[in-house]
């Protein structure tokens, strides 16, 4: 939530979020 929108880390978090939802299903 506090990682700035423009940071590269935000993109890595986005990819991990995509991976995690498949596991949650």
PDBML (XML) file of the C-alpha atoms, coordinates in Angstrom:
<?xml version="1.0" encoding="UTF-8" ?>
<PDBx:datablock datablockName="MODEL"
   xmlns:PDBx="http://pdbml.pdb.org/schema/pdbx-v50.xsd"
   xmlns:xsi="http://www.w3.org/2001/XMLSchema-instance"
   xsi:schemaLocation="http://pdbml.pdb.org/schema/pdbx-v50.xsd pdbx-v50.xsd">
   <PDBx:atom_siteCategory>
      <PDBx:atom_site id="1">
         <PDBx:B_iso_or_equiv>0.00</PDBx:B_iso_or_equiv>
         <PDBx:Cartn_x>0.000</PDBx:Cartn_x>
         <PDBx:Cartn_y>0.000</PDBx:Cartn_y>
         <PDBx:Cartn_z>0.000</PDBx:Cartn_z>
         <PDBx:auth_asym_id>A</PDBx:auth_asym_id>
         <PDBx:auth_atom_id>CA</PDBx:auth_atom_id>
         <PDBx:auth_comp_id>UNK</PDBx:auth_comp_id>
         <PDBx:auth_seq_id>1</PDBx:auth_seq_id>
         <PDBx:group_PDB>ATOM</PDBx:group_PDB>
         <PDBx:label_alt_id xsi:nil="true" />
         <PDBx:label_asym_id>A</PDBx:label_asym_id>
         <PDBx:label_atom_id>CA</PDBx:label_atom_id>
         <PDBx:label_comp_id>UNK</PDBx:label_comp_id>
         <PDBx:label_entity_id>1</PDBx:label_entity_id>
         <PDBx:label_seq_id>1</PDBx:label_seq_id>
         <PDBx:occupancy>1.00</PDBx:occupancy>
         <PDBx:pdbx_PDB_model_num>1</PDBx:pdbx_PDB_model_num>
         <PDBx:type_symbol>C</PDBx:type_symbol>
      </PDBx:atom_site>
      <PDBx:atom_site id="2">
         <PDBx:B_iso_or_equiv>0.00</PDBx:B_iso_or_equiv>
         <PDBx:Cartn_x>2.827</PDBx:Cartn_x>
         <PDBx:Cartn_y>2.484</PDBx:Cartn_y>
         <PDBx:Cartn_z>0.634</PDBx:Cartn_z>
         <PDBx:auth_asym_id>A</PDBx:auth_asym_id>
         <PDBx:auth_atom_id>CA</PDBx:auth_atom_id>
         <PDBx:auth_comp_id>UNK</PDBx:auth_comp_id>
         <PDBx:auth_seq_id>2</PDBx:auth_seq_id>
         <PDBx:group_PDB>ATOM</PDBx:group_PDB>
         <PDBx:label_alt_id xsi:nil="true" />
         <PDBx:label_asym_id>A</PDBx:label_asym_id>
         <PDBx:label_atom_id>CA</PDBx:label_atom_id>
         <PDBx:label_comp_id>UNK</PDBx:label_comp_id>
         <PDBx:label_entity_id>1</PDBx:label_entity_id>
         <PDBx:label_seq_id>2</PDBx:label_seq_id>
         <PDBx:occupancy>1.00</PDBx:occupancy>
         <PDBx:pdbx_PDB_model_num>1</PDBx:pdbx_PDB_model_num>
         <PDBx:type_symbol>C</PDBx:type_symbol>
      </PDBx:atom_site>
      <PDBx:atom_site id="3">
         <PDBx:B_iso_or_equiv>0.00</PDBx:B_iso_or_equiv>
         <PDBx:Cartn_x>5.259</PDBx:Cartn_x>
         <PDBx:Cartn_y>1.447</PDBx:Cartn_y>
         <PDBx:Cartn_z>-2.112</PDBx:Cartn_z>
         <PDBx:auth_asym_id>A</PDBx:auth_asym_id>
         <PDBx:auth_atom_id>CA</PDBx:auth_atom_id>
         <PDBx:auth_comp_id>UNK</PDBx:auth_comp_id>
         <PDBx:auth_seq_id>3</PDBx:auth_seq_id>
         <PDBx:group_PDB>ATOM</PDBx:group_PDB>
         <PDBx:label_alt_id xsi:nil="true" />
         <PDBx:label_asym_id>A</PDBx:label_asym_id>
         <PDBx:label_atom_id>CA</PDBx:label_atom_id>
         <PDBx:label_comp_id>UNK</PDBx:label_comp_id>
         <PDBx:label_entity_id>1</PDBx:label_entity_id>
         <PDBx:label_seq_id>3</PDBx:label_seq_id>
         <PDBx:occupancy>1.00</PDBx:occupancy>
         <PDBx:pdbx_PDB_model_num>1</PDBx:pdbx_PDB_model_num>
         <PDBx:type_symbol>C</PDBx:type_symbol>
      </PDBx:atom_site>
      <PDBx:atom_site id="4">
         <PDBx:B_iso_or_equiv>0.00</PDBx:B_iso_or_equiv>
         <PDBx:Cartn_x>5.221</PDBx:Cartn_x>
         <PDBx:Cartn_y>4.465</PDBx:Cartn_y>
         <PDBx:Cartn_z>-4.478</PDBx:Cartn_z>
         <PDBx:auth_asym_id>A</PDBx:auth_asym_id>
         <PDBx:auth_atom_id>CA</PDBx:auth_atom_id>
         <PDBx:auth_comp_id>UNK</PDBx:auth_comp_id>
         <PDBx:auth_seq_id>4</PDBx:auth_seq_id>
         <PDBx:group_PDB>ATOM</PDBx:group_PDB>
         <PDBx:label_alt_id xsi:nil="true" />
         <PDBx:label_asym_id>A</PDBx:label_asym_id>
         <PDBx:label_atom_id>CA</PDBx:label_atom_id>
         <PDBx:label_comp_id>UNK</PDBx:label_comp_id>
         <PDBx:label_entity_id>1</PDBx:label_entity_id>
         <PDBx:label_seq_id>4</PDBx:label_seq_id>
         <PDBx:occupancy>1.00</PDBx:occupancy>
         <PDBx:pdbx_PDB_model_num>1</PDBx:pdbx_PDB_model_num>
         <PDBx:type_symbol>C</PDBx:type_symbol>
      </PDBx:atom_site>
      <PDBx:atom_site id="5">
         <PDBx:B_iso_or_equiv>0.00</PDBx:B_iso_or_equiv>
         <PDBx:Cartn_x>3.283</PDBx:Cartn_x>
         <PDBx:Cartn_y>3.959</PDBx:Cartn_y>
         <PDBx:Cartn_z>-7.697</PDBx:Cartn_z>
         <PDBx:auth_asym_id>A</PDBx:auth_asym_id>
         <PDBx:auth_atom_id>CA</PDBx:auth_atom_id>
         <PDBx:auth_comp_id>UNK</PDBx:auth_comp_id>
         <PDBx:auth_seq_id>5</PDBx:auth_seq_id>
         <PDBx:group_PDB>ATOM</PDBx:group_PDB>
         <PDBx:label_alt_id xsi:nil="true" />
         <PDBx:label_asym_id>A</PDBx:label_asym_id>
         <PDBx:label_atom_id>CA</PDBx:label_atom_id>
         <PDBx:label_comp_id>UNK</PDBx:label_comp_id>
         <PDBx:label_entity_id>1</PDBx:label_entity_id>
         <PDBx:label_seq_id>5</PDBx:label_seq_id>
         <PDBx:occupancy>1.00</PDBx:occupancy>
         <PDBx:pdbx_PDB_model_num>1</PDBx:pdbx_PDB_model_num>
         <PDBx:type_symbol>C</PDBx:type_symbol>
      </PDBx:atom_site>
      <PDBx:atom_site id="6">
         <PDBx:B_iso_or_equiv>0.00</PDBx:B_iso_or_equiv>
         <PDBx:Cartn_x>6.316</PDBx:Cartn_x>
         <PDBx:Cartn_y>4.739</PDBx:Cartn_y>
         <PDBx:Cartn_z>-9.856</PDBx:Cartn_z>
         <PDBx:auth_asym_id>A</PDBx:auth_asym_id>
         <PDBx:auth_atom_id>CA</PDBx:auth_atom_id>
         <PDBx:auth_comp_id>UNK</PDBx:auth_comp_id>
         <PDBx:auth_seq_id>6</PDBx:auth_seq_id>
         <PDBx:group_PDB>ATOM</PDBx:group_PDB>
         <PDBx:label_alt_id xsi:nil="true" />
         <PDBx:label_asym_id>A</PDBx:label_asym_id>
         <PDBx:label_atom_id>CA</PDBx:label_atom_id>
         <PDBx:label_comp_id>UNK</PDBx:label_comp_id>
         <PDBx:label_entity_id>1</PDBx:label_entity_id>
         <PDBx:label_seq_id>6</PDBx:label_seq_id>
         <PDBx:occupancy>1.00</PDBx:occupancy>
         <PDBx:pdbx_PDB_model_num>1</PDBx:pdbx_PDB_model_num>
         <PDBx:type_symbol>C</PDBx:type_symbol>
      </PDBx:atom_site>
      <PDBx:atom_site id="7">
         <PDBx:B_iso_or_equiv>0.00</PDBx:B_iso_or_equiv>
         <PDBx:Cartn_x>8.705</PDBx:Cartn_x>
         <PDBx:Cartn_y>2.289</PDBx:Cartn_y>
         <PDBx:Cartn_z>-8.161</PDBx:Cartn_z>
         <PDBx:auth_asym_id>A</PDBx:auth_asym_id>
         <PDBx:auth_atom_id>CA</PDBx:auth_atom_id>
         <PDBx:auth_comp_id>UNK</PDBx:auth_comp_id>
         <PDBx:auth_seq_id>7</PDBx:auth_seq_id>
         <PDBx:group_PDB>ATOM</PDBx:group_PDB>
         <PDBx:label_alt_id xsi:nil="true" />
         <PDBx:label_asym_id>A</PDBx:label_asym_id>
         <PDBx:label_atom_id>CA</PDBx:label_atom_id>
         <PDBx:label_comp_id>UNK</PDBx:label_comp_id>
         <PDBx:label_entity_id>1</PDBx:label_entity_id>
         <PDBx:label_seq_id>7</PDBx:label_seq_id>
         <PDBx:occupancy>1.00</PDBx:occupancy>
         <PDBx:pdbx_PDB_model_num>1</PDBx:pdbx_PDB_model_num>
         <PDBx:type_symbol>C</PDBx:type_symbol>
      </PDBx:atom_site>
      <PDBx:atom_site id="8">
         <PDBx:B_iso_or_equiv>0.00</PDBx:B_iso_or_equiv>
         <PDBx:Cartn_x>9.941</PDBx:Cartn_x>
         <PDBx:Cartn_y>-0.855</PDBx:Cartn_y>
         <PDBx:Cartn_z>-9.909</PDBx:Cartn_z>
         <PDBx:auth_asym_id>A</PDBx:auth_asym_id>
         <PDBx:auth_atom_id>CA</PDBx:auth_atom_id>
         <PDBx:auth_comp_id>UNK</PDBx:auth_comp_id>
         <PDBx:auth_seq_id>8</PDBx:auth_seq_id>
         <PDBx:group_PDB>ATOM</PDBx:group_PDB>
         <PDBx:label_alt_id xsi:nil="true" />
         <PDBx:label_asym_id>A</PDBx:label_asym_id>
         <PDBx:label_atom_id>CA</PDBx:label_atom_id>
         <PDBx:label_comp_id>UNK</PDBx:label_comp_id>
         <PDBx:label_entity_id>1</PDBx:label_entity_id>
         <PDBx:label_seq_id>8</PDBx:label_seq_id>
         <PDBx:occupancy>1.00</PDBx:occupancy>
         <PDBx:pdbx_PDB_model_num>1</PDBx:pdbx_PDB_model_num>
         <PDBx:type_symbol>C</PDBx:type_symbol>
      </PDBx:atom_site>
      <PDBx:atom_site id="9">
         <PDBx:B_iso_or_equiv>0.00</PDBx:B_iso_or_equiv>
         <PDBx:Cartn_x>9.018</PDBx:Cartn_x>
         <PDBx:Cartn_y>-2.725</PDBx:Cartn_y>
         <PDBx:Cartn_z>-6.737</PDBx:Cartn_z>
         <PDBx:auth_asym_id>A</PDBx:auth_asym_id>
         <PDBx:auth_atom_id>CA</PDBx:auth_atom_id>
         <PDBx:auth_comp_id>UNK</PDBx:auth_comp_id>
         <PDBx:auth_seq_id>9</PDBx:auth_seq_id>
         <PDBx:group_PDB>ATOM</PDBx:group_PDB>
         <PDBx:label_alt_id xsi:nil="true" />
         <PDBx:label_asym_id>A</PDBx:label_asym_id>
         <PDBx:label_atom_id>CA</PDBx:label_atom_id>
         <PDBx:label_comp_id>UNK</PDBx:label_comp_id>
         <PDBx:label_entity_id>1</PDBx:label_entity_id>
         <PDBx:label_seq_id>9</PDBx:label_seq_id>
         <PDBx:occupancy>1.00</PDBx:occupancy>
         <PDBx:pdbx_PDB_model_num>1</PDBx:pdbx_PDB_model_num>
         <PDBx:type_symbol>C</PDBx:type_symbol>
      </PDBx:atom_site>
      <PDBx:atom_site id="10">
         <PDBx:B_iso_or_equiv>0.00</PDBx:B_iso_or_equiv>
         <PDBx:Cartn_x>5.361</PDBx:Cartn_x>
         <PDBx:Cartn_y>-1.935</PDBx:Cartn_y>
         <PDBx:Cartn_z>-7.446</PDBx:Cartn_z>
         <PDBx:auth_asym_id>A</PDBx:auth_asym_id>
         <PDBx:auth_atom_id>CA</PDBx:auth_atom_id>
         <PDBx:auth_comp_id>UNK</PDBx:auth_comp_id>
         <PDBx:auth_seq_id>10</PDBx:auth_seq_id>
         <PDBx:group_PDB>ATOM</PDBx:group_PDB>
         <PDBx:label_alt_id xsi:nil="true" />
         <PDBx:label_asym_id>A</PDBx:label_asym_id>
         <PDBx:label_atom_id>CA</PDBx:label_atom_id>
         <PDBx:label_comp_id>UNK</PDBx:label_comp_id>
         <PDBx:label_entity_id>1</PDBx:label_entity_id>
         <PDBx:label_seq_id>10</PDBx:label_seq_id>
         <PDBx:occupancy>1.00</PDBx:occupancy>
         <PDBx:pdbx_PDB_model_num>1</PDBx:pdbx_PDB_model_num>
         <PDBx:type_symbol>C</PDBx:type_symbol>
      </PDBx:atom_site>
      <PDBx:atom_site id="11">
         <PDBx:B_iso_or_equiv>0.00</PDBx:B_iso_or_equiv>
         <PDBx:Cartn_x>5.603</PDBx:Cartn_x>
         <PDBx:Cartn_y>-3.848</PDBx:Cartn_y>
         <PDBx:Cartn_z>-10.723</PDBx:Cartn_z>
         <PDBx:auth_asym_id>A</PDBx:auth_asym_id>
         <PDBx:auth_atom_id>CA</PDBx:auth_atom_id>
         <PDBx:auth_comp_id>UNK</PDBx:auth_comp_id>
         <PDBx:auth_seq_id>11</PDBx:auth_seq_id>
         <PDBx:group_PDB>ATOM</PDBx:group_PDB>
         <PDBx:label_alt_id xsi:nil="true" />
         <PDBx:label_asym_id>A</PDBx:label_asym_id>
         <PDBx:label_atom_id>CA</PDBx:label_atom_id>
         <PDBx:label_comp_id>UNK</PDBx:label_comp_id>
         <PDBx:label_entity_id>1</PDBx:label_entity_id>
         <PDBx:label_seq_id>11</PDBx:label_seq_id>
         <PDBx:occupancy>1.00</PDBx:occupancy>
         <PDBx:pdbx_PDB_model_num>1</PDBx:pdbx_PDB_model_num>
         <PDBx:type_symbol>C</PDBx:type_symbol>
      </PDBx:atom_site>
      <PDBx:atom_site id="12">
         <PDBx:B_iso_or_equiv>0.00</PDBx:B_iso_or_equiv>
         <PDBx:Cartn_x>7.147</PDBx:Cartn_x>
         <PDBx:Cartn_y>-6.838</PDBx:Cartn_y>
         <PDBx:Cartn_z>-8.963</PDBx:Cartn_z>
         <PDBx:auth_asym_id>A</PDBx:auth_asym_id>
         <PDBx:auth_atom_id>CA</PDBx:auth_atom_id>
         <PDBx:auth_comp_id>UNK</PDBx:auth_comp_id>
         <PDBx:auth_seq_id>12</PDBx:auth_seq_id>
         <PDBx:group_PDB>ATOM</PDBx:group_PDB>
         <PDBx:label_alt_id xsi:nil="true" />
         <PDBx:label_asym_id>A</PDBx:label_asym_id>
         <PDBx:label_atom_id>CA</PDBx:label_atom_id>
         <PDBx:label_comp_id>UNK</PDBx:label_comp_id>
         <PDBx:label_entity_id>1</PDBx:label_entity_id>
         <PDBx:label_seq_id>12</PDBx:label_seq_id>
         <PDBx:occupancy>1.00</PDBx:occupancy>
         <PDBx:pdbx_PDB_model_num>1</PDBx:pdbx_PDB_model_num>
         <PDBx:type_symbol>C</PDBx:type_symbol>
      </PDBx:atom_site>
      <PDBx:atom_site id="13">
         <PDBx:B_iso_or_equiv>0.00</PDBx:B_iso_or_equiv>
         <PDBx:Cartn_x>4.361</PDBx:Cartn_x>
         <PDBx:Cartn_y>-6.682</PDBx:Cartn_y>
         <PDBx:Cartn_z>-6.388</PDBx:Cartn_z>
         <PDBx:auth_asym_id>A</PDBx:auth_asym_id>
         <PDBx:auth_atom_id>CA</PDBx:auth_atom_id>
         <PDBx:auth_comp_id>UNK</PDBx:auth_comp_id>
         <PDBx:auth_seq_id>13</PDBx:auth_seq_id>
         <PDBx:group_PDB>ATOM</PDBx:group_PDB>
         <PDBx:label_alt_id xsi:nil="true" />
         <PDBx:label_asym_id>A</PDBx:label_asym_id>
         <PDBx:label_atom_id>CA</PDBx:label_atom_id>
         <PDBx:label_comp_id>UNK</PDBx:label_comp_id>
         <PDBx:label_entity_id>1</PDBx:label_entity_id>
         <PDBx:label_seq_id>13</PDBx:label_seq_id>
         <PDBx:occupancy>1.00</PDBx:occupancy>
         <PDBx:pdbx_PDB_model_num>1</PDBx:pdbx_PDB_model_num>
         <PDBx:type_symbol>C</PDBx:type_symbol>
      </PDBx:atom_site>
      <PDBx:atom_site id="14">
         <PDBx:B_iso_or_equiv>0.00</PDBx:B_iso_or_equiv>
         <PDBx:Cartn_x>1.837</PDBx:Cartn_x>
         <PDBx:Cartn_y>-6.664</PDBx:Cartn_y>
         <PDBx:Cartn_z>-9.234</PDBx:Cartn_z>
         <PDBx:auth_asym_id>A</PDBx:auth_asym_id>
         <PDBx:auth_atom_id>CA</PDBx:auth_atom_id>
         <PDBx:auth_comp_id>UNK</PDBx:auth_comp_id>
         <PDBx:auth_seq_id>14</PDBx:auth_seq_id>
         <PDBx:group_PDB>ATOM</PDBx:group_PDB>
         <PDBx:label_alt_id xsi:nil="true" />
         <PDBx:label_asym_id>A</PDBx:label_asym_id>
         <PDBx:label_atom_id>CA</PDBx:label_atom_id>
         <PDBx:label_comp_id>UNK</PDBx:label_comp_id>
         <PDBx:label_entity_id>1</PDBx:label_entity_id>
         <PDBx:label_seq_id>14</PDBx:label_seq_id>
         <PDBx:occupancy>1.00</PDBx:occupancy>
         <PDBx:pdbx_PDB_model_num>1</PDBx:pdbx_PDB_model_num>
         <PDBx:type_symbol>C</PDBx:type_symbol>
      </PDBx:atom_site>
      <PDBx:atom_site id="15">
         <PDBx:B_iso_or_equiv>0.00</PDBx:B_iso_or_equiv>
         <PDBx:Cartn_x>3.316</PDBx:Cartn_x>
         <PDBx:Cartn_y>-9.841</PDBx:Cartn_y>
         <PDBx:Cartn_z>-10.688</PDBx:Cartn_z>
         <PDBx:auth_asym_id>A</PDBx:auth_asym_id>
         <PDBx:auth_atom_id>CA</PDBx:auth_atom_id>
         <PDBx:auth_comp_id>UNK</PDBx:auth_comp_id>
         <PDBx:auth_seq_id>15</PDBx:auth_seq_id>
         <PDBx:group_PDB>ATOM</PDBx:group_PDB>
         <PDBx:label_alt_id xsi:nil="true" />
         <PDBx:label_asym_id>A</PDBx:label_asym_id>
         <PDBx:label_atom_id>CA</PDBx:label_atom_id>
         <PDBx:label_comp_id>UNK</PDBx:label_comp_id>
         <PDBx:label_entity_id>1</PDBx:label_entity_id>
         <PDBx:label_seq_id>15</PDBx:label_seq_id>
         <PDBx:occupancy>1.00</PDBx:occupancy>
         <PDBx:pdbx_PDB_model_num>1</PDBx:pdbx_PDB_model_num>
         <PDBx:type_symbol>C</PDBx:type_symbol>
      </PDBx:atom_site>
      <PDBx:atom_site id="16">
         <PDBx:B_iso_or_equiv>0.00</PDBx:B_iso_or_equiv>
         <PDBx:Cartn_x>3.338</PDBx:Cartn_x>
         <PDBx:Cartn_y>-11.564</PDBx:Cartn_y>
         <PDBx:Cartn_z>-7.285</PDBx:Cartn_z>
         <PDBx:auth_asym_id>A</PDBx:auth_asym_id>
         <PDBx:auth_atom_id>CA</PDBx:auth_atom_id>
         <PDBx:auth_comp_id>UNK</PDBx:auth_comp_id>
         <PDBx:auth_seq_id>16</PDBx:auth_seq_id>
         <PDBx:group_PDB>ATOM</PDBx:group_PDB>
         <PDBx:label_alt_id xsi:nil="true" />
         <PDBx:label_asym_id>A</PDBx:label_asym_id>
         <PDBx:label_atom_id>CA</PDBx:label_atom_id>
         <PDBx:label_comp_id>UNK</PDBx:label_comp_id>
         <PDBx:label_entity_id>1</PDBx:label_entity_id>
         <PDBx:label_seq_id>16</PDBx:label_seq_id>
         <PDBx:occupancy>1.00</PDBx:occupancy>
         <PDBx:pdbx_PDB_model_num>1</PDBx:pdbx_PDB_model_num>
         <PDBx:type_symbol>C</PDBx:type_symbol>
      </PDBx:atom_site>
      <PDBx:atom_site id="17">
         <PDBx:B_iso_or_equiv>0.00</PDBx:B_iso_or_equiv>
         <PDBx:Cartn_x>-0.284</PDBx:Cartn_x>
         <PDBx:Cartn_y>-10.495</PDBx:Cartn_y>
         <PDBx:Cartn_z>-6.767</PDBx:Cartn_z>
         <PDBx:auth_asym_id>A</PDBx:auth_asym_id>
         <PDBx:auth_atom_id>CA</PDBx:auth_atom_id>
         <PDBx:auth_comp_id>UNK</PDBx:auth_comp_id>
         <PDBx:auth_seq_id>17</PDBx:auth_seq_id>
         <PDBx:group_PDB>ATOM</PDBx:group_PDB>
         <PDBx:label_alt_id xsi:nil="true" />
         <PDBx:label_asym_id>A</PDBx:label_asym_id>
         <PDBx:label_atom_id>CA</PDBx:label_atom_id>
         <PDBx:label_comp_id>UNK</PDBx:label_comp_id>
         <PDBx:label_entity_id>1</PDBx:label_entity_id>
         <PDBx:label_seq_id>17</PDBx:label_seq_id>
         <PDBx:occupancy>1.00</PDBx:occupancy>
         <PDBx:pdbx_PDB_model_num>1</PDBx:pdbx_PDB_model_num>
         <PDBx:type_symbol>C</PDBx:type_symbol>
      </PDBx:atom_site>
      <PDBx:atom_site id="18">
         <PDBx:B_iso_or_equiv>0.00</PDBx:B_iso_or_equiv>
         <PDBx:Cartn_x>-1.214</PDBx:Cartn_x>
         <PDBx:Cartn_y>-12.154</PDBx:Cartn_y>
         <PDBx:Cartn_z>-10.072</PDBx:Cartn_z>
         <PDBx:auth_asym_id>A</PDBx:auth_asym_id>
         <PDBx:auth_atom_id>CA</PDBx:auth_atom_id>
         <PDBx:auth_comp_id>UNK</PDBx:auth_comp_id>
         <PDBx:auth_seq_id>18</PDBx:auth_seq_id>
         <PDBx:group_PDB>ATOM</PDBx:group_PDB>
         <PDBx:label_alt_id xsi:nil="true" />
         <PDBx:label_asym_id>A</PDBx:label_asym_id>
         <PDBx:label_atom_id>CA</PDBx:label_atom_id>
         <PDBx:label_comp_id>UNK</PDBx:label_comp_id>
         <PDBx:label_entity_id>1</PDBx:label_entity_id>
         <PDBx:label_seq_id>18</PDBx:label_seq_id>
         <PDBx:occupancy>1.00</PDBx:occupancy>
         <PDBx:pdbx_PDB_model_num>1</PDBx:pdbx_PDB_model_num>
         <PDBx:type_symbol>C</PDBx:type_symbol>
      </PDBx:atom_site>
      <PDBx:atom_site id="19">
         <PDBx:B_iso_or_equiv>0.00</PDBx:B_iso_or_equiv>
         <PDBx:Cartn_x>0.541</PDBx:Cartn_x>
         <PDBx:Cartn_y>-15.354</PDBx:Cartn_y>
         <PDBx:Cartn_z>-9.044</PDBx:Cartn_z>
         <PDBx:auth_asym_id>A</PDBx:auth_asym_id>
         <PDBx:auth_atom_id>CA</PDBx:auth_atom_id>
         <PDBx:auth_comp_id>UNK</PDBx:auth_comp_id>
         <PDBx:auth_seq_id>19</PDBx:auth_seq_id>
         <PDBx:group_PDB>ATOM</PDBx:group_PDB>
         <PDBx:label_alt_id xsi:nil="true" />
         <PDBx:label_asym_id>A</PDBx:label_asym_id>
         <PDBx:label_atom_id>CA</PDBx:label_atom_id>
         <PDBx:label_comp_id>UNK</PDBx:label_comp_id>
         <PDBx:label_entity_id>1</PDBx:label_entity_id>
         <PDBx:label_seq_id>19</PDBx:label_seq_id>
         <PDBx:occupancy>1.00</PDBx:occupancy>
         <PDBx:pdbx_PDB_model_num>1</PDBx:pdbx_PDB_model_num>
         <PDBx:type_symbol>C</PDBx:type_symbol>
      </PDBx:atom_site>
      <PDBx:atom_site id="20">
         <PDBx:B_iso_or_equiv>0.00</PDBx:B_iso_or_equiv>
         <PDBx:Cartn_x>-1.070</PDBx:Cartn_x>
         <PDBx:Cartn_y>-15.396</PDBx:Cartn_y>
         <PDBx:Cartn_z>-5.624</PDBx:Cartn_z>
         <PDBx:auth_asym_id>A</PDBx:auth_asym_id>
         <PDBx:auth_atom_id>CA</PDBx:auth_atom_id>
         <PDBx:auth_comp_id>UNK</PDBx:auth_comp_id>
         <PDBx:auth_seq_id>20</PDBx:auth_seq_id>
         <PDBx:group_PDB>ATOM</PDBx:group_PDB>
         <PDBx:label_alt_id xsi:nil="true" />
         <PDBx:label_asym_id>A</PDBx:label_asym_id>
         <PDBx:label_atom_id>CA</PDBx:label_atom_id>
         <PDBx:label_comp_id>UNK</PDBx:label_comp_id>
         <PDBx:label_entity_id>1</PDBx:label_entity_id>
         <PDBx:label_seq_id>20</PDBx:label_seq_id>
         <PDBx:occupancy>1.00</PDBx:occupancy>
         <PDBx:pdbx_PDB_model_num>1</PDBx:pdbx_PDB_model_num>
         <PDBx:type_symbol>C</PDBx:type_symbol>
      </PDBx:atom_site>
      <PDBx:atom_site id="21">
         <PDBx:B_iso_or_equiv>0.00</PDBx:B_iso_or_equiv>
         <PDBx:Cartn_x>-4.682</PDBx:Cartn_x>
         <PDBx:Cartn_y>-15.120</PDBx:Cartn_y>
         <PDBx:Cartn_z>-6.863</PDBx:Cartn_z>
         <PDBx:auth_asym_id>A</PDBx:auth_asym_id>
         <PDBx:auth_atom_id>CA</PDBx:auth_atom_id>
         <PDBx:auth_comp_id>UNK</PDBx:auth_comp_id>
         <PDBx:auth_seq_id>21</PDBx:auth_seq_id>
         <PDBx:group_PDB>ATOM</PDBx:group_PDB>
         <PDBx:label_alt_id xsi:nil="true" />
         <PDBx:label_asym_id>A</PDBx:label_asym_id>
         <PDBx:label_atom_id>CA</PDBx:label_atom_id>
         <PDBx:label_comp_id>UNK</PDBx:label_comp_id>
         <PDBx:label_entity_id>1</PDBx:label_entity_id>
         <PDBx:label_seq_id>21</PDBx:label_seq_id>
         <PDBx:occupancy>1.00</PDBx:occupancy>
         <PDBx:pdbx_PDB_model_num>1</PDBx:pdbx_PDB_model_num>
         <PDBx:type_symbol>C</PDBx:type_symbol>
      </PDBx:atom_site>
      <PDBx:atom_site id="22">
         <PDBx:B_iso_or_equiv>0.00</PDBx:B_iso_or_equiv>
         <PDBx:Cartn_x>-4.306</PDBx:Cartn_x>
         <PDBx:Cartn_y>-18.363</PDBx:Cartn_y>
         <PDBx:Cartn_z>-8.838</PDBx:Cartn_z>
         <PDBx:auth_asym_id>A</PDBx:auth_asym_id>
         <PDBx:auth_atom_id>CA</PDBx:auth_atom_id>
         <PDBx:auth_comp_id>UNK</PDBx:auth_comp_id>
         <PDBx:auth_seq_id>22</PDBx:auth_seq_id>
         <PDBx:group_PDB>ATOM</PDBx:group_PDB>
         <PDBx:label_alt_id xsi:nil="true" />
         <PDBx:label_asym_id>A</PDBx:label_asym_id>
         <PDBx:label_atom_id>CA</PDBx:label_atom_id>
         <PDBx:label_comp_id>UNK</PDBx:label_comp_id>
         <PDBx:label_entity_id>1</PDBx:label_entity_id>
         <PDBx:label_seq_id>22</PDBx:label_seq_id>
         <PDBx:occupancy>1.00</PDBx:occupancy>
         <PDBx:pdbx_PDB_model_num>1</PDBx:pdbx_PDB_model_num>
         <PDBx:type_symbol>C</PDBx:type_symbol>
      </PDBx:atom_site>
      <PDBx:atom_site id="23">
         <PDBx:B_iso_or_equiv>0.00</PDBx:B_iso_or_equiv>
         <PDBx:Cartn_x>-3.108</PDBx:Cartn_x>
         <PDBx:Cartn_y>-20.096</PDBx:Cartn_y>
         <PDBx:Cartn_z>-5.677</PDBx:Cartn_z>
         <PDBx:auth_asym_id>A</PDBx:auth_asym_id>
         <PDBx:auth_atom_id>CA</PDBx:auth_atom_id>
         <PDBx:auth_comp_id>UNK</PDBx:auth_comp_id>
         <PDBx:auth_seq_id>23</PDBx:auth_seq_id>
         <PDBx:group_PDB>ATOM</PDBx:group_PDB>
         <PDBx:label_alt_id xsi:nil="true" />
         <PDBx:label_asym_id>A</PDBx:label_asym_id>
         <PDBx:label_atom_id>CA</PDBx:label_atom_id>
         <PDBx:label_comp_id>UNK</PDBx:label_comp_id>
         <PDBx:label_entity_id>1</PDBx:label_entity_id>
         <PDBx:label_seq_id>23</PDBx:label_seq_id>
         <PDBx:occupancy>1.00</PDBx:occupancy>
         <PDBx:pdbx_PDB_model_num>1</PDBx:pdbx_PDB_model_num>
         <PDBx:type_symbol>C</PDBx:type_symbol>
      </PDBx:atom_site>
      <PDBx:atom_site id="24">
         <PDBx:B_iso_or_equiv>0.00</PDBx:B_iso_or_equiv>
         <PDBx:Cartn_x>-6.030</PDBx:Cartn_x>
         <PDBx:Cartn_y>-18.587</PDBx:Cartn_y>
         <PDBx:Cartn_z>-3.726</PDBx:Cartn_z>
         <PDBx:auth_asym_id>A</PDBx:auth_asym_id>
         <PDBx:auth_atom_id>CA</PDBx:auth_atom_id>
         <PDBx:auth_comp_id>UNK</PDBx:auth_comp_id>
         <PDBx:auth_seq_id>24</PDBx:auth_seq_id>
         <PDBx:group_PDB>ATOM</PDBx:group_PDB>
         <PDBx:label_alt_id xsi:nil="true" />
         <PDBx:label_asym_id>A</PDBx:label_asym_id>
         <PDBx:label_atom_id>CA</PDBx:label_atom_id>
         <PDBx:label_comp_id>UNK</PDBx:label_comp_id>
         <PDBx:label_entity_id>1</PDBx:label_entity_id>
         <PDBx:label_seq_id>24</PDBx:label_seq_id>
         <PDBx:occupancy>1.00</PDBx:occupancy>
         <PDBx:pdbx_PDB_model_num>1</PDBx:pdbx_PDB_model_num>
         <PDBx:type_symbol>C</PDBx:type_symbol>
      </PDBx:atom_site>
      <PDBx:atom_site id="25">
         <PDBx:B_iso_or_equiv>0.00</PDBx:B_iso_or_equiv>
         <PDBx:Cartn_x>-8.497</PDBx:Cartn_x>
         <PDBx:Cartn_y>-20.016</PDBx:Cartn_y>
         <PDBx:Cartn_z>-6.268</PDBx:Cartn_z>
         <PDBx:auth_asym_id>A</PDBx:auth_asym_id>
         <PDBx:auth_atom_id>CA</PDBx:auth_atom_id>
         <PDBx:auth_comp_id>UNK</PDBx:auth_comp_id>
         <PDBx:auth_seq_id>25</PDBx:auth_seq_id>
         <PDBx:group_PDB>ATOM</PDBx:group_PDB>
         <PDBx:label_alt_id xsi:nil="true" />
         <PDBx:label_asym_id>A</PDBx:label_asym_id>
         <PDBx:label_atom_id>CA</PDBx:label_atom_id>
         <PDBx:label_comp_id>UNK</PDBx:label_comp_id>
         <PDBx:label_entity_id>1</PDBx:label_entity_id>
         <PDBx:label_seq_id>25</PDBx:label_seq_id>
         <PDBx:occupancy>1.00</PDBx:occupancy>
         <PDBx:pdbx_PDB_model_num>1</PDBx:pdbx_PDB_model_num>
         <PDBx:type_symbol>C</PDBx:type_symbol>
      </PDBx:atom_site>
   </PDBx:atom_siteCategory>
</PDBx:datablock>
